[in-house]
Amino acid sequence: MGNHTVTRADLCEAVYQKVGLSRTESAELVEKVLSEISDSLVSGDSVKLSSFGSFVVRSKGERIGRNPKTGEEVPISPRRVMVFKPSNVLKQRINDALVDGS
């Protein structure tokens, strides 16, 4: 298992290497794609990327939590959270890589 985190710069470099755009154009393309995904999620829409997965925004209601240190009950305010659900294709690729040892 790798300990490398893929960054925006890594994505830009991959687009530069594989697509052949300039580094500046590659960076702009990556930024536009990420911005479009972010804007859709902020507006409450789901984002589905075929063969990769879905990003979904869910609303969580108010609930009572407990401070683990003091045991005191604390209200947790309602909020929206983003959830990622990987596609079956992605899950299969990950599991195949595990079996192959790569």
C-alpha atoms as a PDB file:
ATOM      1  CA  MET A   1       0.000   0.000   0.000  1.00  0.00           C
ATOM      2  CA  GLY A   2       1.330   3.428  -0.909  1.00  0.00           C
ATOM      3  CA  ASN A   3       1.651   6.322   1.485  1.00  0.00           C
ATOM      4  CA  HIS A   4       1.537   8.965  -1.260  1.00  0.00           C
ATOM      5  CA  THR A   5      -1.255  11.540  -1.321  1.00  0.00           C
ATOM      6  CA  VAL A   6      -2.239  12.715  -4.786  1.00  0.00           C
ATOM      7  CA  THR A   7      -2.260  16.516  -4.916  1.00  0.00           C
ATOM      8  CA  ARG A   8      -3.588  19.050  -7.410  1.00  0.00           C
ATOM      9  CA  ALA A   9      -0.055  19.431  -8.715  1.00  0.00           C
ATOM     10  CA  ASP A  10       0.108  15.654  -9.311  1.00  0.00           C
ATOM     11  CA  LEU A  11      -3.181  15.783 -11.225  1.00  0.00           C
ATOM     12  CA  CYS A  12      -1.960  18.727 -13.308  1.00  0.00           C
ATOM     13  CA  GLU A  13       1.269  16.898 -14.108  1.00  0.00           C
ATOM     14  CA  ALA A  14      -0.649  13.740 -15.109  1.00  0.00           C
ATOM     15  CA  VAL A  15      -2.856  15.765 -17.475  1.00  0.00           C
ATOM     16  CA  TYR A  16       0.264  17.456 -18.884  1.00  0.00           C
ATOM     17  CA  GLN A  17       2.005  14.103 -19.473  1.00  0.00           C
ATOM     18  CA  LYS A  18      -0.955  12.154 -20.874  1.00  0.00           C
ATOM     19  CA  VAL A  19      -3.020  14.739 -22.750  1.00  0.00           C
ATOM     20  CA  GLY A  20      -0.259  16.944 -24.078  1.00  0.00           C
ATOM     21  CA  LEU A  21      -1.647  20.305 -22.998  1.00  0.00           C
ATOM     22  CA  SER A  22       0.790  22.890 -21.671  1.00  0.00           C
ATOM     23  CA  ARG A  23       1.397  22.901 -17.918  1.00  0.00           C
ATOM     24  CA  THR A  24      -0.651  26.097 -17.595  1.00  0.00           C
ATOM     25  CA  GLU A  25      -3.562  24.679 -19.606  1.00  0.00           C
ATOM     26  CA  SER A  26      -3.389  21.431 -17.627  1.00  0.00           C
ATOM     27  CA  ALA A  27      -3.555  23.338 -14.336  1.00  0.00           C
ATOM     28  CA  GLU A  28      -6.508  25.405 -15.584  1.00  0.00           C
ATOM     29  CA  LEU A  29      -8.354  22.279 -16.721  1.00  0.00           C
ATOM     30  CA  VAL A  30      -7.881  20.538 -13.371  1.00  0.00           C
ATOM     31  CA  GLU A  31      -8.982  23.686 -11.504  1.00  0.00           C
ATOM     32  CA  LYS A  32     -12.104  24.037 -13.691  1.00  0.00           C
ATOM     33  CA  VAL A  33     -13.105  20.408 -13.149  1.00  0.00           C
ATOM     34  CA  LEU A  34     -12.611  20.629  -9.369  1.00  0.00           C
ATOM     35  CA  SER A  35     -14.438  23.959  -9.267  1.00  0.00           C
ATOM     36  CA  GLU A  36     -17.410  22.546 -11.185  1.00  0.00           C
ATOM     37  CA  ILE A  37     -17.610  19.555  -8.827  1.00  0.00           C
ATOM     38  CA  SER A  38     -17.380  21.849  -5.773  1.00  0.00           C
ATOM     39  CA  ASP A  39     -20.011  24.266  -7.080  1.00  0.00           C
ATOM     40  CA  SER A  40     -22.427  21.412  -7.779  1.00  0.00           C
ATOM     41  CA  LEU A  41     -21.980  19.973  -4.284  1.00  0.00           C
ATOM     42  CA  VAL A  42     -22.382  23.397  -2.634  1.00  0.00           C
ATOM     43  CA  SER A  43     -25.692  23.852  -4.451  1.00  0.00           C
ATOM     44  CA  GLY A  44     -26.836  20.457  -3.117  1.00  0.00           C
ATOM     45  CA  ASP A  45     -26.536  18.473  -6.354  1.00  0.00           C
ATOM     46  CA  SER A  46     -24.977  15.026  -6.514  1.00  0.00           C
ATOM     47  CA  VAL A  47     -21.955  14.425  -8.750  1.00  0.00           C
ATOM     48  CA  LYS A  48     -21.665  11.051 -10.454  1.00  0.00           C
ATOM     49  CA  LEU A  49     -18.467  10.132 -12.290  1.00  0.00           C
ATOM     50  CA  SER A  50     -19.010   6.983 -14.329  1.00  0.00           C
ATOM     51  CA  SER A  51     -16.714   4.083 -13.364  1.00  0.00           C
ATOM     52  CA  PHE A  52     -15.395   6.129 -10.428  1.00  0.00           C
ATOM     53  CA  GLY A  53     -18.147   6.936  -7.941  1.00  0.00           C
ATOM     54  CA  SER A  54     -20.674   9.440  -6.653  1.00  0.00           C
ATOM     55  CA  PHE A  55     -20.344  12.441  -4.369  1.00  0.00           C
ATOM     56  CA  VAL A  56     -23.584  13.088  -2.486  1.00  0.00           C
ATOM     57  CA  VAL A  57     -24.505  15.849  -0.040  1.00  0.00           C
ATOM     58  CA  ARG A  58     -26.638  14.676   2.877  1.00  0.00           C
ATOM     59  CA  SER A  59     -28.354  16.691   5.575  1.00  0.00           C
ATOM     60  CA  LYS A  60     -27.911  15.620   9.176  1.00  0.00           C
ATOM     61  CA  GLY A  61     -30.413  16.773  11.750  1.00  0.00           C
ATOM     62  CA  GLU A  62     -29.729  18.193  15.171  1.00  0.00           C
ATOM     63  CA  ARG A  63     -28.806  15.592  17.766  1.00  0.00           C
ATOM     64  CA  ILE A  64     -27.402  15.278  21.233  1.00  0.00           C
ATOM     65  CA  GLY A  65     -23.758  14.309  21.574  1.00  0.00           C
ATOM     66  CA  ARG A  66     -21.647  13.656  24.623  1.00  0.00           C
ATOM     67  CA  ASN A  67     -18.325  15.193  25.593  1.00  0.00           C
ATOM     68  CA  PRO A  68     -16.138  12.102  26.147  1.00  0.00           C
ATOM     69  CA  LYS A  69     -13.993  13.884  28.721  1.00  0.00           C
ATOM     70  CA  THR A  70     -16.731  15.213  30.995  1.00  0.00           C
ATOM     71  CA  GLY A  71     -19.735  13.108  29.971  1.00  0.00           C
ATOM     72  CA  GLU A  72     -21.701  16.332  29.517  1.00  0.00           C
ATOM     73  CA  GLU A  73     -24.441  16.262  26.880  1.00  0.00           C
ATOM     74  CA  VAL A  74     -23.910  18.786  24.107  1.00  0.00           C
ATOM     75  CA  PRO A  75     -26.283  19.645  21.244  1.00  0.00           C
ATOM     76  CA  ILE A  76     -24.803  19.088  17.779  1.00  0.00           C
ATOM     77  CA  SER A  77     -26.269  21.529  15.269  1.00  0.00           C
ATOM     78  CA  PRO A  78     -27.752  20.409  11.943  1.00  0.00           C
ATOM     79  CA  ARG A  79     -25.300  20.361   9.070  1.00  0.00           C
ATOM     80  CA  ARG A  80     -24.676  19.074   5.584  1.00  0.00           C
ATOM     81  CA  VAL A  81     -21.995  16.464   4.935  1.00  0.00           C
ATOM     82  CA  MET A  82     -20.495  15.092   1.749  1.00  0.00           C
ATOM     83  CA  VAL A  83     -20.355  11.353   1.243  1.00  0.00           C
ATOM     84  CA  PHE A  84     -18.393   9.503  -1.450  1.00  0.00           C
ATOM     85  CA  LYS A  85     -19.693   6.178  -2.702  1.00  0.00           C
ATOM     86  CA  PRO A  86     -17.226   4.362  -4.960  1.00  0.00           C
ATOM     87  CA  SER A  87     -18.564   2.586  -8.053  1.00  0.00           C
ATOM     88  CA  ASN A  88     -18.402  -1.171  -8.356  1.00  0.00           C
ATOM     89  CA  VAL A  89     -15.822  -0.728 -11.142  1.00  0.00           C
ATOM     90  CA  LEU A  90     -13.514   1.229  -8.807  1.00  0.00           C
ATOM     91  CA  LYS A  91     -14.018  -1.246  -5.959  1.00  0.00           C
ATOM     92  CA  GLN A  92     -13.115  -4.107  -8.301  1.00  0.00           C
ATOM     93  CA  ARG A  93      -9.953  -2.334  -9.524  1.00  0.00           C
ATOM     94  CA  ILE A  94      -8.841  -1.712  -5.927  1.00  0.00           C
ATOM     95  CA  ASN A  95      -9.467  -5.312  -4.921  1.00  0.00           C
ATOM     96  CA  ASP A  96      -7.764  -6.663  -8.046  1.00  0.00           C
ATOM     97  CA  ALA A  97      -4.690  -4.556  -7.262  1.00  0.00           C
ATOM     98  CA  LEU A  98      -4.651  -5.984  -3.745  1.00  0.00           C
ATOM     99  CA  VAL A  99      -4.754  -9.558  -5.070  1.00  0.00           C
ATOM    100  CA  ASP A 100      -2.070  -8.867  -7.702  1.00  0.00           C
ATOM    101  CA  GLY A 101       0.171  -7.333  -5.036  1.00  0.00           C
ATOM    102  CA  SER A 102       0.618  -4.008  -6.779  1.00  0.00           C
END
